[in-house]
């Protein structure tokens, strides 16, 4: 097992031998665990909380890009930037709720 920045690296053999302990460790950590197969990166493991954090961060980034791209259209329709952002947040919340059955906040 090797450490690289904020990730822990396992080879597949180690994962097979210690799966239960590794899953418990991953679930309680904010680190990313890289599993290698044949010396090459194969998968990354992380806690579900960390996965949700990264997913939400990516969605927020995408939303911000969309807001910037739609800014001129919003102006043409007479919407302020704040109104456009609020409308997009509401749409995002609806989509998230439809996909996951819960609030994204």
PDB file of N, CA and C in Angstrom:
ATOM      1  N   UNK A   1       0.856  -1.171   0.000  1.00  0.00           N
ATOM      2  CA  UNK A   1       0.000   0.000   0.000  1.00  0.00           C
ATOM      3  C   UNK A   1       0.900   1.231   0.000  1.00  0.00           C
ATOM      4  N   UNK A   2       0.683   2.168  -0.939  1.00  0.00           N
ATOM      5  CA  UNK A   2       1.483   3.381  -1.060  1.00  0.00           C
ATOM      6  C   UNK A   2       0.584   4.599  -0.940  1.00  0.00           C
ATOM      7  N   UNK A   3       1.153   5.715  -0.507  1.00  0.00           N
ATOM      8  CA  UNK A   3       0.394   6.968  -0.404  1.00  0.00           C
ATOM      9  C   UNK A   3       0.864   7.949  -1.469  1.00  0.00           C
ATOM     10  N   UNK A   4      -0.099   8.583  -2.145  1.00  0.00           N
ATOM     11  CA  UNK A   4       0.185   9.609  -3.132  1.00  0.00           C
ATOM     12  C   UNK A   4      -0.755  10.763  -2.838  1.00  0.00           C
ATOM     13  N   UNK A   5      -0.215  11.920  -2.450  1.00  0.00           N
ATOM     14  CA  UNK A   5      -1.025  13.092  -2.096  1.00  0.00           C
ATOM     15  C   UNK A   5      -2.129  12.699  -1.122  1.00  0.00           C
ATOM     16  N   UNK A   6      -3.383  12.871  -1.528  1.00  0.00           N
ATOM     17  CA  UNK A   6      -4.520  12.562  -0.656  1.00  0.00           C
ATOM     18  C   UNK A   6      -5.187  11.248  -1.059  1.00  0.00           C
ATOM     19  N   UNK A   7      -4.378  10.347  -1.610  1.00  0.00           N
ATOM     20  CA  UNK A   7      -4.959   9.061  -1.981  1.00  0.00           C
ATOM     21  C   UNK A   7      -4.077   7.940  -1.453  1.00  0.00           C
ATOM     22  N   UNK A   8      -4.683   6.811  -1.280  1.00  0.00           N
ATOM     23  CA  UNK A   8      -3.986   5.613  -0.841  1.00  0.00           C
ATOM     24  C   UNK A   8      -4.068   4.622  -1.991  1.00  0.00           C
ATOM     25  N   UNK A   9      -2.942   3.981  -2.307  1.00  0.00           N
ATOM     26  CA  UNK A   9      -2.887   3.075  -3.448  1.00  0.00           C
ATOM     27  C   UNK A   9      -2.801   1.631  -2.958  1.00  0.00           C
ATOM     28  N   UNK A  10      -3.657   0.778  -3.488  1.00  0.00           N
ATOM     29  CA  UNK A  10      -3.649  -0.660  -3.195  1.00  0.00           C
ATOM     30  C   UNK A  10      -3.473  -1.406  -4.505  1.00  0.00           C
ATOM     31  N   UNK A  11      -2.835  -2.562  -4.442  1.00  0.00           N
ATOM     32  CA  UNK A  11      -2.917  -3.420  -5.615  1.00  0.00           C
ATOM     33  C   UNK A  11      -4.118  -4.341  -5.406  1.00  0.00           C
ATOM     34  N   UNK A  12      -4.571  -4.942  -6.456  1.00  0.00           N
ATOM     35  CA  UNK A  12      -5.789  -5.738  -6.409  1.00  0.00           C
ATOM     36  C   UNK A  12      -5.672  -6.910  -5.440  1.00  0.00           C
ATOM     37  N   UNK A  13      -4.485  -7.502  -5.336  1.00  0.00           N
ATOM     38  CA  UNK A  13      -4.274  -8.612  -4.411  1.00  0.00           C
ATOM     39  C   UNK A  13      -4.523  -8.178  -2.972  1.00  0.00           C
ATOM     40  N   UNK A  14      -3.994  -7.008  -2.583  1.00  0.00           N
ATOM     41  CA  UNK A  14      -4.234  -6.478  -1.229  1.00  0.00           C
ATOM     42  C   UNK A  14      -5.720  -6.260  -0.997  1.00  0.00           C
ATOM     43  N   UNK A  15      -6.403  -5.744  -2.004  1.00  0.00           N
ATOM     44  CA  UNK A  15      -7.831  -5.486  -1.870  1.00  0.00           C
ATOM     45  C   UNK A  15      -8.586  -6.787  -1.607  1.00  0.00           C
ATOM     46  N   UNK A  16      -8.256  -7.819  -2.348  1.00  0.00           N
ATOM     47  CA  UNK A  16      -8.908  -9.123  -2.143  1.00  0.00           C
ATOM     48  C   UNK A  16      -8.672  -9.637  -0.727  1.00  0.00           C
ATOM     49  N   UNK A  17      -7.471  -9.505  -0.239  1.00  0.00           N
ATOM     50  CA  UNK A  17      -7.109 -10.050   1.067  1.00  0.00           C
ATOM     51  C   UNK A  17      -7.781  -9.301   2.211  1.00  0.00           C
ATOM     52  N   UNK A  18      -7.940  -7.993   2.060  1.00  0.00           N
ATOM     53  CA  UNK A  18      -8.393  -7.172   3.188  1.00  0.00           C
ATOM     54  C   UNK A  18      -9.631  -6.345   2.864  1.00  0.00           C
ATOM     55  N   UNK A  19     -10.521  -6.858   2.033  1.00  0.00           N
ATOM     56  CA  UNK A  19     -11.656  -6.072   1.546  1.00  0.00           C
ATOM     57  C   UNK A  19     -12.494  -5.468   2.668  1.00  0.00           C
ATOM     58  N   UNK A  20     -12.895  -6.253   3.654  1.00  0.00           N
ATOM     59  CA  UNK A  20     -13.750  -5.739   4.724  1.00  0.00           C
ATOM     60  C   UNK A  20     -13.127  -4.564   5.452  1.00  0.00           C
ATOM     61  N   UNK A  21     -11.862  -4.688   5.837  1.00  0.00           N
ATOM     62  CA  UNK A  21     -11.160  -3.627   6.559  1.00  0.00           C
ATOM     63  C   UNK A  21     -10.980  -2.392   5.673  1.00  0.00           C
ATOM     64  N   UNK A  22     -10.661  -2.622   4.407  1.00  0.00           N
ATOM     65  CA  UNK A  22     -10.461  -1.496   3.487  1.00  0.00           C
ATOM     66  C   UNK A  22     -11.770  -0.742   3.270  1.00  0.00           C
ATOM     67  N   UNK A  23     -12.872  -1.456   3.080  1.00  0.00           N
ATOM     68  CA  UNK A  23     -14.173  -0.792   2.895  1.00  0.00           C
ATOM     69  C   UNK A  23     -14.514   0.036   4.127  1.00  0.00           C
ATOM     70  N   UNK A  24     -14.280  -0.502   5.298  1.00  0.00           N
ATOM     71  CA  UNK A  24     -14.546   0.241   6.537  1.00  0.00           C
ATOM     72  C   UNK A  24     -13.679   1.498   6.597  1.00  0.00           C
ATOM     73  N   UNK A  25     -12.413   1.379   6.244  1.00  0.00           N
ATOM     74  CA  UNK A  25     -11.496   2.523   6.257  1.00  0.00           C
ATOM     75  C   UNK A  25     -11.936   3.585   5.252  1.00  0.00           C
ATOM     76  N   UNK A  26     -12.290   3.146   4.047  1.00  0.00           N
ATOM     77  CA  UNK A  26     -12.720   4.072   2.993  1.00  0.00           C
ATOM     78  C   UNK A  26     -13.984   4.818   3.425  1.00  0.00           C
ATOM     79  N   UNK A  27     -14.939   4.099   3.999  1.00  0.00           N
ATOM     80  CA  UNK A  27     -16.211   4.700   4.391  1.00  0.00           C
ATOM     81  C   UNK A  27     -16.046   5.806   5.423  1.00  0.00           C
ATOM     82  N   UNK A  28     -15.002   5.734   6.230  1.00  0.00           N
ATOM     83  CA  UNK A  28     -14.788   6.711   7.300  1.00  0.00           C
ATOM     84  C   UNK A  28     -13.784   7.794   6.930  1.00  0.00           C
ATOM     85  N   UNK A  29     -13.334   7.822   5.699  1.00  0.00           N
ATOM     86  CA  UNK A  29     -12.254   8.713   5.301  1.00  0.00           C
ATOM     87  C   UNK A  29     -12.685   9.675   4.204  1.00  0.00           C
ATOM     88  N   UNK A  30     -11.974  10.770   4.110  1.00  0.00           N
ATOM     89  CA  UNK A  30     -12.174  11.707   3.006  1.00  0.00           C
ATOM     90  C   UNK A  30     -11.129  11.488   1.917  1.00  0.00           C
ATOM     91  N   UNK A  31     -10.303  10.478   2.088  1.00  0.00           N
ATOM     92  CA  UNK A  31      -9.262  10.185   1.116  1.00  0.00           C
ATOM     93  C   UNK A  31      -9.840   9.391  -0.048  1.00  0.00           C
ATOM     94  N   UNK A  32      -9.109   9.408  -1.136  1.00  0.00           N
ATOM     95  CA  UNK A  32      -9.441   8.613  -2.313  1.00  0.00           C
ATOM     96  C   UNK A  32      -8.479   7.439  -2.349  1.00  0.00           C
ATOM     97  N   UNK A  33      -9.004   6.261  -2.631  1.00  0.00           N
ATOM     98  CA  UNK A  33      -8.210   5.036  -2.633  1.00  0.00           C
ATOM     99  C   UNK A  33      -8.117   4.516  -4.058  1.00  0.00           C
ATOM    100  N   UNK A  34      -6.918   4.444  -4.566  1.00  0.00           N
ATOM    101  CA  UNK A  34      -6.657   3.989  -5.922  1.00  0.00           C
ATOM    102  C   UNK A  34      -6.296   2.510  -5.880  1.00  0.00           C
ATOM    103  N   UNK A  35      -7.000   1.731  -6.669  1.00  0.00           N
ATOM    104  CA  UNK A  35      -6.713   0.294  -6.757  1.00  0.00           C
ATOM    105  C   UNK A  35      -6.072   0.036  -8.117  1.00  0.00           C
ATOM    106  N   UNK A  36      -4.921  -0.619  -8.076  1.00  0.00           N
ATOM    107  CA  UNK A  36      -4.205  -0.935  -9.305  1.00  0.00           C
ATOM    108  C   UNK A  36      -4.357  -2.409  -9.637  1.00  0.00           C
ATOM    109  N   UNK A  37      -4.411  -2.685 -10.913  1.00  0.00           N
ATOM    110  CA  UNK A  37      -4.445  -4.069 -11.397  1.00  0.00           C
ATOM    111  C   UNK A  37      -3.318  -4.204 -12.408  1.00  0.00           C
ATOM    112  N   UNK A  38      -2.417  -5.103 -12.119  1.00  0.00           N
ATOM    113  CA  UNK A  38      -1.263  -5.267 -13.007  1.00  0.00           C
ATOM    114  C   UNK A  38      -0.390  -4.038 -13.040  1.00  0.00           C
ATOM    115  N   UNK A  39      -0.357  -3.298 -11.938  1.00  0.00           N
ATOM    116  CA  UNK A  39       0.467  -2.093 -11.856  1.00  0.00           C
ATOM    117  C   UNK A  39      -0.154  -0.857 -12.460  1.00  0.00           C
ATOM    118  N   UNK A  40      -1.340  -0.981 -13.043  1.00  0.00           N
ATOM    119  CA  UNK A  40      -2.004   0.160 -13.682  1.00  0.00           C
ATOM    120  C   UNK A  40      -3.244   0.568 -12.893  1.00  0.00           C
ATOM    121  N   UNK A  41      -3.534   1.866 -12.809  1.00  0.00           N
ATOM    122  CA  UNK A  41      -4.748   2.308 -12.118  1.00  0.00           C
ATOM    123  C   UNK A  41      -5.988   1.661 -12.728  1.00  0.00           C
ATOM    124  N   UNK A  42      -6.839   1.086 -11.863  1.00  0.00           N
ATOM    125  CA  UNK A  42      -8.045   0.413 -12.337  1.00  0.00           C
ATOM    126  C   UNK A  42      -9.309   1.115 -11.855  1.00  0.00           C
ATOM    127  N   UNK A  43      -9.398   1.383 -10.552  1.00  0.00           N
ATOM    128  CA  UNK A  43     -10.580   2.046  -9.992  1.00  0.00           C
ATOM    129  C   UNK A  43     -10.156   2.972  -8.857  1.00  0.00           C
ATOM    130  N   UNK A  44     -11.069   3.850  -8.482  1.00  0.00           N
ATOM    131  CA  UNK A  44     -10.889   4.708  -7.317  1.00  0.00           C
ATOM    132  C   UNK A  44     -12.049   4.436  -6.378  1.00  0.00           C
ATOM    133  N   UNK A  45     -11.743   4.296  -5.095  1.00  0.00           N
ATOM    134  CA  UNK A  45     -12.784   4.120  -4.081  1.00  0.00           C
ATOM    135  C   UNK A  45     -12.786   5.354  -3.187  1.00  0.00           C
ATOM    136  N   UNK A  46     -13.986   5.746  -2.760  1.00  0.00           N
ATOM    137  CA  UNK A  46     -14.121   6.851  -1.816  1.00  0.00           C
ATOM    138  C   UNK A  46     -15.423   6.645  -1.050  1.00  0.00           C
ATOM    139  N   UNK A  47     -15.544   7.336   0.068  1.00  0.00           N
ATOM    140  CA  UNK A  47     -16.785   7.222   0.834  1.00  0.00           C
ATOM    141  C   UNK A  47     -17.933   7.822   0.029  1.00  0.00           C
ATOM    142  N   UNK A  48     -19.143   7.402   0.359  1.00  0.00           N
ATOM    143  CA  UNK A  48     -20.304   7.947  -0.329  1.00  0.00           C
ATOM    144  C   UNK A  48     -20.433   9.448  -0.049  1.00  0.00           C
ATOM    145  N   UNK A  49     -20.120   9.863   1.171  1.00  0.00           N
ATOM    146  CA  UNK A  49     -20.182  11.290   1.511  1.00  0.00           C
ATOM    147  C   UNK A  49     -19.221  12.092   0.635  1.00  0.00           C
ATOM    148  N   UNK A  50     -18.025  11.562   0.414  1.00  0.00           N
ATOM    149  CA  UNK A  50     -17.043  12.233  -0.445  1.00  0.00           C
ATOM    150  C   UNK A  50     -17.535  12.253  -1.893  1.00  0.00           C
ATOM    151  N   UNK A  51     -18.127  11.152  -2.339  1.00  0.00           N
ATOM    152  CA  UNK A  51     -18.694  11.087  -3.684  1.00  0.00           C
ATOM    153  C   UNK A  51     -19.784  12.148  -3.854  1.00  0.00           C
ATOM    154  N   UNK A  52     -20.678  12.264  -2.880  1.00  0.00           N
ATOM    155  CA  UNK A  52     -21.741  13.272  -2.952  1.00  0.00           C
ATOM    156  C   UNK A  52     -21.161  14.682  -2.976  1.00  0.00           C
ATOM    157  N   UNK A  53     -20.116  14.931  -2.151  1.00  0.00           N
ATOM    158  CA  UNK A  53     -19.481  16.246  -2.114  1.00  0.00           C
ATOM    159  C   UNK A  53     -18.902  16.599  -3.490  1.00  0.00           C
ATOM    160  N   UNK A  54     -18.197  15.660  -4.088  1.00  0.00           N
ATOM    161  CA  UNK A  54     -17.593  15.901  -5.397  1.00  0.00           C
ATOM    162  C   UNK A  54     -18.666  16.075  -6.462  1.00  0.00           C
ATOM    163  N   UNK A  55     -19.725  15.271  -6.398  1.00  0.00           N
ATOM    164  CA  UNK A  55     -20.818  15.384  -7.366  1.00  0.00           C
ATOM    165  C   UNK A  55     -21.501  16.739  -7.263  1.00  0.00           C
ATOM    166  N   UNK A  56     -21.754  17.187  -6.038  1.00  0.00           N
ATOM    167  CA  UNK A  56     -22.399  18.480  -5.828  1.00  0.00           C
ATOM    168  C   UNK A  56     -21.491  19.612  -6.321  1.00  0.00           C
ATOM    169  N   UNK A  57     -20.192  19.486  -6.059  1.00  0.00           N
ATOM    170  CA  UNK A  57     -19.223  20.488  -6.514  1.00  0.00           C
ATOM    171  C   UNK A  57     -19.221  20.560  -8.046  1.00  0.00           C
ATOM    172  N   UNK A  58     -19.247  19.409  -8.698  1.00  0.00           N
ATOM    173  CA  UNK A  58     -19.270  19.373 -10.163  1.00  0.00           C
ATOM    174  C   UNK A  58     -20.565  19.977 -10.701  1.00  0.00           C
ATOM    175  N   UNK A  59     -21.692  19.656 -10.059  1.00  0.00           N
ATOM    176  CA  UNK A  59     -22.980  20.202 -10.500  1.00  0.00           C
ATOM    177  C   UNK A  59     -23.011  21.716 -10.336  1.00  0.00           C
ATOM    178  N   UNK A  60     -22.461  22.206  -9.241  1.00  0.00           N
ATOM    179  CA  UNK A  60     -22.416  23.655  -9.009  1.00  0.00           C
ATOM    180  C   UNK A  60     -21.546  24.332 -10.060  1.00  0.00           C
ATOM    181  N   UNK A  61     -20.418  23.709 -10.383  1.00  0.00           N
ATOM    182  CA  UNK A  61     -19.536  24.262 -11.413  1.00  0.00           C
ATOM    183  C   UNK A  61     -20.269  24.325 -12.757  1.00  0.00           C
ATOM    184  N   UNK A  62     -20.976  23.244 -13.093  1.00  0.00           N
ATOM    185  CA  UNK A  62     -21.736  23.202 -14.346  1.00  0.00           C
ATOM    186  C   UNK A  62     -22.830  24.266 -14.360  1.00  0.00           C
ATOM    187  N   UNK A  63     -23.513  24.419 -13.228  1.00  0.00           N
ATOM    188  CA  UNK A  63     -24.553  25.438 -13.114  1.00  0.00           C
ATOM    189  C   UNK A  63     -23.964  26.831 -13.322  1.00  0.00           C
ATOM    190  N   UNK A  64     -22.838  27.104 -12.694  1.00  0.00           N
ATOM    191  CA  UNK A  64     -22.207  28.421 -12.836  1.00  0.00           C
ATOM    192  C   UNK A  64     -21.792  28.686 -14.282  1.00  0.00           C
ATOM    193  N   UNK A  65     -21.283  27.657 -14.956  1.00  0.00           N
ATOM    194  CA  UNK A  65     -20.924  27.818 -16.373  1.00  0.00           C
ATOM    195  C   UNK A  65     -22.164  28.120 -17.208  1.00  0.00           C
ATOM    196  N   UNK A  66     -23.248  27.415 -16.925  1.00  0.00           N
ATOM    197  CA  UNK A  66     -24.490  27.635 -17.668  1.00  0.00           C
ATOM    198  C   UNK A  66     -25.020  29.046 -17.447  1.00  0.00           C
ATOM    199  N   UNK A  67     -24.947  29.510 -16.208  1.00  0.00           N
ATOM    200  CA  UNK A  67     -25.409  30.867 -15.891  1.00  0.00           C
ATOM    201  C   UNK A  67     -24.599  31.889 -16.682  1.00  0.00           C
ATOM    202  N   UNK A  68     -23.294  31.714 -16.718  1.00  0.00           N
ATOM    203  CA  UNK A  68     -22.444  32.656 -17.474  1.00  0.00           C
ATOM    204  C   UNK A  68     -22.778  32.606 -18.962  1.00  0.00           C
ATOM    205  N   UNK A  69     -22.994  31.394 -19.474  1.00  0.00           N
ATOM    206  CA  UNK A  69     -23.291  31.252 -20.899  1.00  0.00           C
ATOM    207  C   UNK A  69     -24.656  31.833 -21.255  1.00  0.00           C
ATOM    208  N   UNK A  70     -25.607  31.731 -20.327  1.00  0.00           N
ATOM    209  CA  UNK A  70     -26.960  32.204 -20.602  1.00  0.00           C
ATOM    210  C   UNK A  70     -27.177  33.661 -20.204  1.00  0.00           C
ATOM    211  N   UNK A  71     -26.157  34.276 -19.647  1.00  0.00           N
ATOM    212  CA  UNK A  71     -26.274  35.663 -19.192  1.00  0.00           C
ATOM    213  C   UNK A  71     -26.828  36.610 -20.240  1.00  0.00           C
ATOM    214  N   UNK A  72     -26.262  36.625 -21.442  1.00  0.00           N
ATOM    215  CA  UNK A  72     -26.774  37.544 -22.464  1.00  0.00           C
ATOM    216  C   UNK A  72     -28.248  37.295 -22.809  1.00  0.00           C
ATOM    217  N   UNK A  73     -28.657  36.016 -22.845  1.00  0.00           N
ATOM    218  CA  UNK A  73     -30.062  35.693 -23.135  1.00  0.00           C
ATOM    219  C   UNK A  73     -30.969  36.174 -22.007  1.00  0.00           C
ATOM    220  N   UNK A  74     -30.510  36.009 -20.772  1.00  0.00           N
ATOM    221  CA  UNK A  74     -31.294  36.478 -19.626  1.00  0.00           C
ATOM    222  C   UNK A  74     -31.468  37.991 -19.680  1.00  0.00           C
ATOM    223  N   UNK A  75     -30.400  38.684 -20.043  1.00  0.00           N
ATOM    224  CA  UNK A  75     -30.489  40.147 -20.172  1.00  0.00           C
ATOM    225  C   UNK A  75     -31.493  40.529 -21.249  1.00  0.00           C
ATOM    226  N   UNK A  76     -31.452  39.817 -22.356  1.00  0.00           N
ATOM    227  CA  UNK A  76     -32.376  40.109 -23.448  1.00  0.00           C
ATOM    228  C   UNK A  76     -33.819  39.940 -22.994  1.00  0.00           C
ATOM    229  N   UNK A  77     -34.054  38.970 -22.091  1.00  0.00           N
ATOM    230  CA  UNK A  77     -35.405  38.735 -21.587  1.00  0.00           C
ATOM    231  C   UNK A  77     -35.743  39.628 -20.392  1.00  0.00           C
ATOM    232  N   UNK A  78     -34.797  40.472 -20.002  1.00  0.00           N
ATOM    233  CA  UNK A  78     -35.063  41.396 -18.905  1.00  0.00           C
ATOM    234  C   UNK A  78     -34.867  40.802 -17.514  1.00  0.00           C
ATOM    235  N   UNK A  79     -34.188  39.662 -17.421  1.00  0.00           N
ATOM    236  CA  UNK A  79     -33.914  39.049 -16.118  1.00  0.00           C
ATOM    237  C   UNK A  79     -32.589  39.564 -15.575  1.00  0.00           C
ATOM    238  N   UNK A  80     -32.549  39.770 -14.288  1.00  0.00           N
ATOM    239  CA  UNK A  80     -31.271  40.097 -13.661  1.00  0.00           C
ATOM    240  C   UNK A  80     -30.469  38.809 -13.521  1.00  0.00           C
ATOM    241  N   UNK A  81     -29.182  38.931 -13.285  1.00  0.00           N
ATOM    242  CA  UNK A  81     -28.341  37.745 -13.089  1.00  0.00           C
ATOM    243  C   UNK A  81     -28.831  36.941 -11.888  1.00  0.00           C
ATOM    244  N   UNK A  82     -29.236  37.646 -10.834  1.00  0.00           N
ATOM    245  CA  UNK A  82     -29.731  36.974  -9.628  1.00  0.00           C
ATOM    246  C   UNK A  82     -31.000  36.169  -9.930  1.00  0.00           C
ATOM    247  N   UNK A  83     -31.900  36.730 -10.726  1.00  0.00           N
ATOM    248  CA  UNK A  83     -33.128  36.024 -11.085  1.00  0.00           C
ATOM    249  C   UNK A  83     -32.815  34.775 -11.923  1.00  0.00           C
ATOM    250  N   UNK A  84     -31.889  34.913 -12.852  1.00  0.00           N
ATOM    251  CA  UNK A  84     -31.513  33.776 -13.696  1.00  0.00           C
ATOM    252  C   UNK A  84     -30.879  32.673 -12.852  1.00  0.00           C
ATOM    253  N   UNK A  85     -29.997  33.057 -11.925  1.00  0.00           N
ATOM    254  CA  UNK A  85     -29.352  32.079 -11.049  1.00  0.00           C
ATOM    255  C   UNK A  85     -30.394  31.376 -10.188  1.00  0.00           C
ATOM    256  N   UNK A  86     -31.309  32.130  -9.627  1.00  0.00           N
ATOM    257  CA  UNK A  86     -32.349  31.545  -8.771  1.00  0.00           C
ATOM    258  C   UNK A  86     -33.232  30.577  -9.557  1.00  0.00           C
ATOM    259  N   UNK A  87     -33.586  30.953 -10.765  1.00  0.00           N
ATOM    260  CA  UNK A  87     -34.410  30.068 -11.599  1.00  0.00           C
ATOM    261  C   UNK A  87     -33.662  28.775 -11.912  1.00  0.00           C
ATOM    262  N   UNK A  88     -32.389  28.878 -12.223  1.00  0.00           N
ATOM    263  CA  UNK A  88     -31.593  27.688 -12.525  1.00  0.00           C
ATOM    264  C   UNK A  88     -31.419  26.813 -11.285  1.00  0.00           C
ATOM    265  N   UNK A  89     -31.263  27.411 -10.120  1.00  0.00           N
ATOM    266  CA  UNK A  89     -31.152  26.635  -8.876  1.00  0.00           C
ATOM    267  C   UNK A  89     -32.437  25.847  -8.627  1.00  0.00           C
ATOM    268  N   UNK A  90     -33.568  26.484  -8.879  1.00  0.00           N
ATOM    269  CA  UNK A  90     -34.846  25.795  -8.696  1.00  0.00           C
ATOM    270  C   UNK A  90     -34.978  24.618  -9.658  1.00  0.00           C
ATOM    271  N   UNK A  91     -34.554  24.822 -10.891  1.00  0.00           N
ATOM    272  CA  UNK A  91     -34.596  23.738 -11.877  1.00  0.00           C
ATOM    273  C   UNK A  91     -33.654  22.619 -11.446  1.00  0.00           C
ATOM    274  N   UNK A  92     -32.456  22.977 -11.005  1.00  0.00           N
ATOM    275  CA  UNK A  92     -31.497  21.968 -10.538  1.00  0.00           C
ATOM    276  C   UNK A  92     -32.079  21.172  -9.380  1.00  0.00           C
ATOM    277  N   UNK A  93     -32.726  21.860  -8.441  1.00  0.00           N
ATOM    278  CA  UNK A  93     -33.332  21.194  -7.290  1.00  0.00           C
ATOM    279  C   UNK A  93     -34.402  20.203  -7.745  1.00  0.00           C
ATOM    280  N   UNK A  94     -35.220  20.601  -8.702  1.00  0.00           N
ATOM    281  CA  UNK A  94     -36.267  19.717  -9.210  1.00  0.00           C
ATOM    282  C   UNK A  94     -35.665  18.478  -9.871  1.00  0.00           C
ATOM    283  N   UNK A  95     -34.640  18.678 -10.684  1.00  0.00           N
ATOM    284  CA  UNK A  95     -33.994  17.557 -11.370  1.00  0.00           C
ATOM    285  C   UNK A  95     -33.352  16.622 -10.351  1.00  0.00           C
ATOM    286  N   UNK A  96     -32.661  17.190  -9.372  1.00  0.00           N
ATOM    287  CA  UNK A  96     -32.004  16.374  -8.344  1.00  0.00           C
ATOM    288  C   UNK A  96     -33.033  15.550  -7.583  1.00  0.00           C
ATOM    289  N   UNK A  97     -34.140  16.188  -7.243  1.00  0.00           N
ATOM    290  CA  UNK A  97     -35.189  15.494  -6.498  1.00  0.00           C
ATOM    291  C   UNK A  97     -35.797  14.363  -7.333  1.00  0.00           C
ATOM    292  N   UNK A  98     -35.996  14.610  -8.621  1.00  0.00           N
ATOM    293  CA  UNK A  98     -36.516  13.568  -9.497  1.00  0.00           C
ATOM    294  C   UNK A  98     -35.544  12.398  -9.615  1.00  0.00           C
ATOM    295  N   UNK A  99     -34.235  12.700  -9.667  1.00  0.00           N
ATOM    296  CA  UNK A  99     -33.231  11.652  -9.851  1.00  0.00           C
ATOM    297  C   UNK A  99     -32.967  10.873  -8.566  1.00  0.00           C
ATOM    298  N   UNK A 100     -32.898  11.584  -7.434  1.00  0.00           N
ATOM    299  CA  UNK A 100     -32.455  10.957  -6.188  1.00  0.00           C
ATOM    300  C   UNK A 100     -33.536  10.896  -5.111  1.00  0.00           C
ATOM    301  N   UNK A 101     -34.662  11.549  -5.348  1.00  0.00           N
ATOM    302  CA  UNK A 101     -35.766  11.485  -4.395  1.00  0.00           C
ATOM    303  C   UNK A 101     -35.508  12.244  -3.108  1.00  0.00           C
ATOM    304  N   UNK A 102     -34.581  13.201  -3.152  1.00  0.00           N
ATOM    305  CA  UNK A 102     -34.305  13.997  -1.950  1.00  0.00           C
ATOM    306  C   UNK A 102     -33.781  15.354  -2.357  1.00  0.00           C
ATOM    307  N   UNK A 103     -33.689  16.243  -1.381  1.00  0.00           N
ATOM    308  CA  UNK A 103     -33.222  17.599  -1.603  1.00  0.00           C
ATOM    309  C   UNK A 103     -31.714  17.612  -1.789  1.00  0.00           C
ATOM    310  N   UNK A 104     -31.216  18.505  -2.664  1.00  0.00           N
ATOM    311  CA  UNK A 104     -29.780  18.610  -2.877  1.00  0.00           C
ATOM    312  C   UNK A 104     -29.128  19.581  -1.914  1.00  0.00           C
ATOM    313  N   UNK A 105     -29.894  20.243  -1.091  1.00  0.00           N
ATOM    314  CA  UNK A 105     -29.336  21.230  -0.158  1.00  0.00           C
ATOM    315  C   UNK A 105     -28.823  20.581   1.096  1.00  0.00           C
TER     316      UNK A 105
END
